[in-house]
Protein backbone atom coordinates (compact mmCIF):
# COMPACT_ATOMS: atom_id res chain seq x y z
CA UNK A 1 0.00 0.00 0.00
CA UNK A 2 1.42 3.39 -0.98
CA UNK A 3 1.54 6.43 1.28
CA UNK A 4 -1.05 8.12 -0.94
CA UNK A 5 -3.45 5.18 -0.60
CA UNK A 6 -2.95 5.13 3.17
CA UNK A 7 -3.62 8.87 3.41
CA UNK A 8 -6.84 8.51 1.42
CA UNK A 9 -8.02 5.71 3.70
CA UNK A 10 -7.25 7.81 6.78
CA UNK A 11 -9.20 10.72 5.28
CA UNK A 12 -12.37 8.60 5.34
CA UNK A 13 -12.16 8.23 9.14
CA UNK A 14 -14.31 10.37 11.41
CA UNK A 15 -11.59 10.39 14.06
CA UNK A 16 -8.58 12.67 13.87
CA UNK A 17 -5.43 10.70 13.01
CA UNK A 18 -1.80 11.79 12.73
CA UNK A 19 1.46 9.82 12.52
CA UNK A 20 4.95 10.75 13.72
CA UNK A 21 8.16 9.19 12.42
CA UNK A 22 11.19 8.19 14.51
CA UNK A 23 12.38 11.81 14.53
CA UNK A 24 8.98 12.96 15.83
CA UNK A 25 8.11 14.69 12.55
CA UNK A 26 4.55 14.56 11.21
CA UNK A 27 4.18 12.18 8.26
CA UNK A 28 0.38 11.94 8.09
CA UNK A 29 -2.41 14.34 9.08
CA UNK A 30 -5.95 13.38 8.04
CA UNK A 31 -8.94 15.58 7.14
CA UNK A 32 -10.59 15.08 10.53
CA UNK A 33 -7.47 16.53 12.22
CA UNK A 34 -7.70 19.58 9.94
CA UNK A 35 -11.36 20.14 10.81
CA UNK A 36 -10.88 19.51 14.53
CA UNK A 37 -7.75 21.59 15.15
CA UNK A 38 -7.80 24.17 12.34
CA UNK A 39 -4.26 23.16 11.28
CA UNK A 40 -3.98 22.18 7.61
CA UNK A 41 -1.81 19.23 6.64
CA UNK A 42 0.39 21.53 4.55
CA UNK A 43 1.17 23.49 7.71
CA UNK A 44 2.22 20.46 9.78
CA UNK A 45 3.57 17.76 7.42
CA UNK A 46 7.31 17.34 7.84
CA UNK A 47 7.30 19.60 10.90
CA UNK A 48 8.44 18.55 14.39
CA UNK A 49 5.96 16.82 16.68
CA UNK A 50 3.13 19.27 17.48
CA UNK A 51 2.52 17.66 20.90
CA UNK A 52 -0.94 19.21 20.90
CA UNK A 53 -1.48 20.90 24.24
CA UNK A 54 -3.54 18.21 25.90
CA UNK A 55 -4.19 18.76 29.60
CA UNK A 56 -6.02 16.35 31.88
CA UNK A 57 -9.55 17.19 32.95
CA UNK A 58 -10.00 18.69 36.42
CA UNK A 59 -11.59 15.45 37.62
CA UNK A 60 -8.61 13.36 36.47
CA UNK A 61 -5.29 13.02 38.22
CA UNK A 62 -3.67 11.54 35.08
CA UNK A 63 -1.43 13.88 33.13
CA UNK A 64 -1.30 12.75 29.48
CA UNK A 65 2.28 12.16 28.28
CA UNK A 66 3.56 14.02 25.26
CA UNK A 67 3.35 11.90 22.11
CA UNK A 68 7.10 12.08 21.51
CA UNK A 69 7.78 10.95 25.07
CA UNK A 70 6.31 7.56 24.16
CA UNK A 71 9.13 7.03 21.66
CA UNK A 72 11.80 7.82 24.23
CA UNK A 73 10.39 5.50 26.88
CA UNK A 74 9.10 2.59 24.79
CA UNK A 75 12.31 0.51 25.35
CA UNK A 76 11.28 -1.87 22.58
CA UNK A 77 7.91 -2.43 24.15
CA UNK A 78 4.53 -1.47 22.75
CA UNK A 79 3.97 1.83 24.57
CA UNK A 80 0.38 3.03 24.69
CA UNK A 81 -1.27 6.16 26.07
CA UNK A 82 -5.03 6.53 26.41
CA UNK A 83 -6.50 9.53 28.20
CA UNK A 84 -9.48 11.87 28.11
CA UNK A 85 -8.17 15.42 27.95
CA UNK A 86 -8.57 18.79 26.22
CA UNK A 87 -6.72 19.56 22.98
CA UNK A 88 -5.86 23.09 21.91
CA UNK A 89 -6.82 24.29 18.44
CA UNK A 90 -5.00 26.72 16.17
CA UNK A 91 -7.46 29.44 17.27
CA UNK A 92 -6.45 28.90 20.90
CA UNK A 93 -9.68 27.20 21.97
CA UNK A 94 -9.73 23.85 23.73
CA UNK A 95 -11.98 20.91 22.92
CA UNK A 96 -12.61 17.71 24.92
CA UNK A 97 -11.09 14.68 23.23
CA UNK A 98 -10.29 11.03 23.83
CA UNK A 99 -6.63 10.69 22.89
CA UNK A 100 -5.05 7.34 21.97
CA UNK A 101 -1.35 7.13 21.15
CA UNK A 102 0.53 3.94 20.24
CA UNK A 103 4.18 3.38 19.37
CA UNK A 104 4.83 1.73 15.98
CA UNK A 105 7.50 -1.01 15.97
CA UNK A 106 9.44 -2.48 13.05
CA UNK A 107 10.31 -6.17 12.56
CA UNK A 108 13.24 -5.78 14.96
CA UNK A 109 10.93 -4.41 17.68
CA UNK A 110 12.45 -0.96 17.36
CA UNK A 111 10.28 2.14 17.76
CA UNK A 112 9.87 3.79 14.37
CA UNK A 113 7.01 6.18 15.06
CA UNK A 114 3.78 6.96 16.86
CA UNK A 115 0.19 6.90 15.61
CA UNK A 116 -2.24 9.15 17.50
CA UNK A 117 -6.03 9.31 17.24
CA UNK A 118 -8.24 12.04 18.67
CA UNK A 119 -11.96 11.48 19.15
CA UNK A 120 -13.96 14.70 19.45
CA UNK A 121 -16.10 14.44 22.60
CA UNK A 122 -18.10 17.62 22.03
CA UNK A 123 -21.15 15.79 20.59
CA UNK A 124 -21.14 13.48 23.63
CA UNK A 125 -20.87 16.40 26.06
CA UNK A 126 -23.73 18.19 24.29
CA UNK A 127 -25.84 15.06 24.52
CA UNK A 128 -25.11 14.81 28.24
CA UNK A 129 -26.21 18.44 28.72
CA UNK A 130 -29.38 17.85 26.69
CA UNK A 131 -30.22 14.78 28.77
CA UNK A 132 -29.67 16.74 31.98
CA UNK A 133 -32.04 19.44 30.74
CA UNK A 134 -34.62 16.80 29.74
CA UNK A 135 -34.48 15.27 33.21
CA UNK A 136 -35.10 18.66 34.76
CA UNK A 137 -37.85 19.42 32.25
CA UNK A 138 -39.61 16.21 33.30
CA UNK A 139 -39.75 17.46 36.89
CA UNK A 140 -39.59 21.26 36.64
CA UNK A 141 -37.86 23.11 39.45
CA UNK A 142 -39.72 26.28 40.41
CA UNK A 143 -36.85 27.88 42.28
CA UNK A 144 -33.35 27.46 43.67
CA UNK A 145 -32.26 29.59 46.59
CA UNK A 146 -33.37 33.13 45.78
CA UNK A 147 -33.73 32.23 42.09
CA UNK A 148 -37.34 31.93 40.95
CA UNK A 149 -38.69 30.63 37.65
CA UNK A 150 -39.78 27.46 35.87
CA UNK A 151 -39.19 28.41 32.23
CA UNK A 152 -37.02 26.31 29.93
CA UNK A 153 -34.13 28.80 30.25
CA UNK A 154 -34.31 28.67 34.06
CA UNK A 155 -34.42 24.86 33.99
CA UNK A 156 -31.23 24.88 31.92
CA UNK A 157 -29.57 27.13 34.47
CA UNK A 158 -30.70 24.94 37.40
CA UNK A 159 -29.25 21.91 35.57
CA UNK A 160 -25.85 23.62 35.50
CA UNK A 161 -25.97 24.86 39.09
CA UNK A 162 -26.55 21.43 40.66
CA UNK A 163 -23.42 19.72 39.22
CA UNK A 164 -21.33 22.79 40.11
CA UNK A 165 -22.58 22.60 43.70
CA UNK A 166 -21.61 18.93 43.94
CA UNK A 167 -17.96 19.78 43.24
CA UNK A 168 -15.33 22.03 44.80
CA UNK A 169 -14.20 23.20 41.38
CA UNK A 170 -13.71 26.93 40.79
CA UNK A 171 -16.71 28.39 38.93
CA UNK A 172 -16.91 31.41 36.62
CA UNK A 173 -20.37 32.93 36.13
CA UNK A 174 -20.76 35.11 33.04
CA UNK A 175 -23.59 37.49 32.30
CA UNK A 176 -24.53 41.12 31.83
CA UNK A 177 -24.94 43.41 34.81
CA UNK A 178 -28.23 42.80 36.63
CA UNK A 179 -28.84 39.27 35.35
CA UNK A 180 -28.49 37.64 38.79
CA UNK A 181 -24.91 36.31 38.86
CA UNK A 182 -24.75 36.82 42.62
CA UNK A 183 -27.96 34.79 43.07
CA UNK A 184 -26.40 31.94 41.10
CA UNK A 185 -23.32 32.07 43.35
CA UNK A 186 -25.56 31.93 46.42
CA UNK A 187 -27.42 28.92 45.00
CA UNK A 188 -24.18 27.05 44.25
CA UNK A 189 -22.88 27.70 47.76
CA UNK A 190 -26.21 26.86 49.37
CA UNK A 191 -26.35 23.44 47.68
CA UNK A 192 -22.68 22.62 48.29
CA UNK A 193 -21.02 20.73 51.13
CA UNK A 194 -19.71 24.11 52.36
CA UNK A 195 -23.18 25.57 52.88
CA UNK A 196 -22.71 25.53 56.65
CA UNK A 197 -19.69 27.84 56.34
CA UNK A 198 -19.56 31.51 55.30
CA UNK A 199 -20.23 32.85 51.81
CA UNK A 200 -18.03 35.96 51.66
CA UNK A 201 -18.54 38.43 48.79
CA UNK A 202 -16.11 40.94 47.28
CA UNK A 203 -16.88 43.46 44.54
CA UNK A 204 -13.51 43.62 42.75
CA UNK A 205 -14.45 46.64 40.62
CA UNK A 206 -15.27 48.85 43.60
CA UNK A 207 -11.76 48.88 45.11
CA UNK A 208 -8.35 50.10 43.97
CA UNK A 209 -5.52 47.58 43.60
CA UNK A 210 -3.97 48.33 47.03
CA UNK A 211 -7.30 48.31 48.83
CA UNK A 212 -8.40 45.12 47.10
CA UNK A 213 -5.15 43.37 48.05
CA UNK A 214 -5.63 44.32 51.70
CA UNK A 215 -9.33 43.42 51.56
CA UNK A 216 -8.65 39.98 50.10
CA UNK A 217 -5.54 38.91 51.97
CA UNK A 218 -5.70 41.06 55.09
CA UNK A 219 -2.79 43.08 56.47
CA UNK A 220 -0.45 43.25 59.45
CA UNK A 221 -0.33 46.18 61.84
CA UNK A 222 1.91 48.93 60.43
CA UNK A 223 1.90 47.48 56.90
CA UNK A 224 0.93 50.92 55.56
CA UNK A 225 -0.33 54.27 56.76
CA UNK A 226 -3.59 53.76 58.62
CA UNK A 227 -2.97 50.06 59.37
CA UNK A 228 -3.28 50.50 63.14
CA UNK A 229 -4.06 46.84 63.80
CA UNK A 230 -3.99 43.42 62.19
CA UNK A 231 -6.83 42.74 59.80
CA UNK A 232 -8.21 39.41 58.64
CA UNK A 233 -8.86 39.45 54.89
CA UNK A 234 -11.88 38.08 53.06
CA UNK A 235 -9.94 34.88 52.29
CA UNK A 236 -9.49 34.31 56.01
CA UNK A 237 -13.13 35.15 56.72
CA UNK A 238 -14.24 32.62 54.10
CA UNK A 239 -12.20 29.79 55.66
CA UNK A 240 -14.04 26.51 55.13
CA UNK A 241 -16.66 28.23 52.99
CA UNK A 242 -16.88 30.09 49.68
CA UNK A 243 -15.35 33.34 48.44
CA UNK A 244 -17.41 35.09 45.74
CA UNK A 245 -15.33 37.46 43.60
CA UNK A 246 -17.76 39.67 41.69
CA UNK A 247 -16.48 41.45 38.55
CA UNK A 248 -13.29 39.37 38.52
CA UNK A 249 -12.54 40.74 35.05
CA UNK A 250 -11.60 44.10 36.56
CA UNK A 251 -8.71 42.95 38.78
CA UNK A 252 -5.11 43.89 38.01
CA UNK A 253 -2.37 41.46 36.89
CA UNK A 254 -0.74 41.75 40.35
CA UNK A 255 -3.89 40.59 42.14
CA UNK A 256 -4.30 37.85 39.54
CA UNK A 257 -0.84 36.49 40.39
CA UNK A 258 -1.53 36.55 44.11
CA UNK A 259 -4.89 34.83 43.64
CA UNK A 260 -3.26 32.22 41.42
CA UNK A 261 -1.07 31.15 44.33
CA UNK A 262 -4.14 30.64 46.50
CA UNK A 263 -5.87 28.67 43.74
CA UNK A 264 -2.85 26.44 43.04
CA UNK A 265 -1.14 26.09 46.41
CA UNK A 266 -3.90 27.07 48.88
CA UNK A 267 -1.42 29.51 50.43
CA UNK A 268 -1.30 33.28 50.91
CA UNK A 269 0.35 36.02 52.96
CA UNK A 270 -1.16 39.11 54.51
CA UNK A 271 0.11 42.49 53.30
CA UNK A 272 3.21 43.46 55.30
CA UNK A 273 3.65 39.97 56.71
CA UNK A 274 5.98 37.11 55.74
CA UNK A 275 4.03 34.32 57.43
CA UNK A 276 2.53 31.89 54.94
CA UNK A 277 -1.03 30.91 55.78
CA UNK A 278 -3.10 27.99 54.51
CA UNK A 279 -6.51 28.56 52.93
CA UNK A 280 -9.38 26.08 52.75
CA UNK A 281 -12.10 27.65 50.64
CA UNK A 282 -13.91 27.40 47.33
CA UNK A 283 -13.81 30.20 44.73
CA UNK A 284 -16.76 31.42 42.69
CA UNK A 285 -16.17 34.36 40.35
CA UNK A 286 -18.41 36.44 38.13
CA UNK A 287 -17.92 38.95 35.34
CA UNK A 288 -19.95 40.94 32.84
CA UNK A 289 -17.03 40.95 30.40
CA UNK A 290 -16.82 38.67 27.37
């Protein structure tokens, strides 16, 4: 079978398929890969391994290995990687995929390449959402917390709130001003395992950078003019509960970096203090920005 015949066969597949040679250069890139990622075969053929940015889902502890790493660690064995993750497209978006990678061996059991398939999971995720809405439509919910309504649009929103409440994952609520983002945050907290602990709210757009930093993290006595005593920040007040950051799109890069440490390491420091403190809380954020 010629390379041209093989490429034509691969183009008939609904799954995305690409092949790497022993130097980790792309030798095959089918039509489904072009449609899924936005990268044309002309742009990738003969180029080094793209190692599509493929990060594990939040619910998975498995970090998918890079495709080229399979070649380096196959040791003559049939190395295989199978993981559900999110692949990045040329436009910078991410899509849920099931990624299968397998090392290709020659007659001498030497690794000569890798074949990778990507199955687009977006239709499955949409079907799951539609089923969730159908279940809620069968038994309409008339309200959730301070939210009131039984229309189809409200049922769709309730169906998204319940799964979010069952998890400790960070949630971003998007919507124009006055659409009830704070009520959604209250409903998520009220249905969560942290409902018995505080829900602390911060309007990020109403404070300057310095004031917001002090408000979030707290400060030590003498940290700045007017700091006549120690102050517990909103993060400390929300310990064990939920911190709602309204208008998160308005915070500065400095505050973003400091919040990132809390999100990743569950650690923070008060302004003017070098003591590292632990934080046990769940973040919910909202913004009117696109």
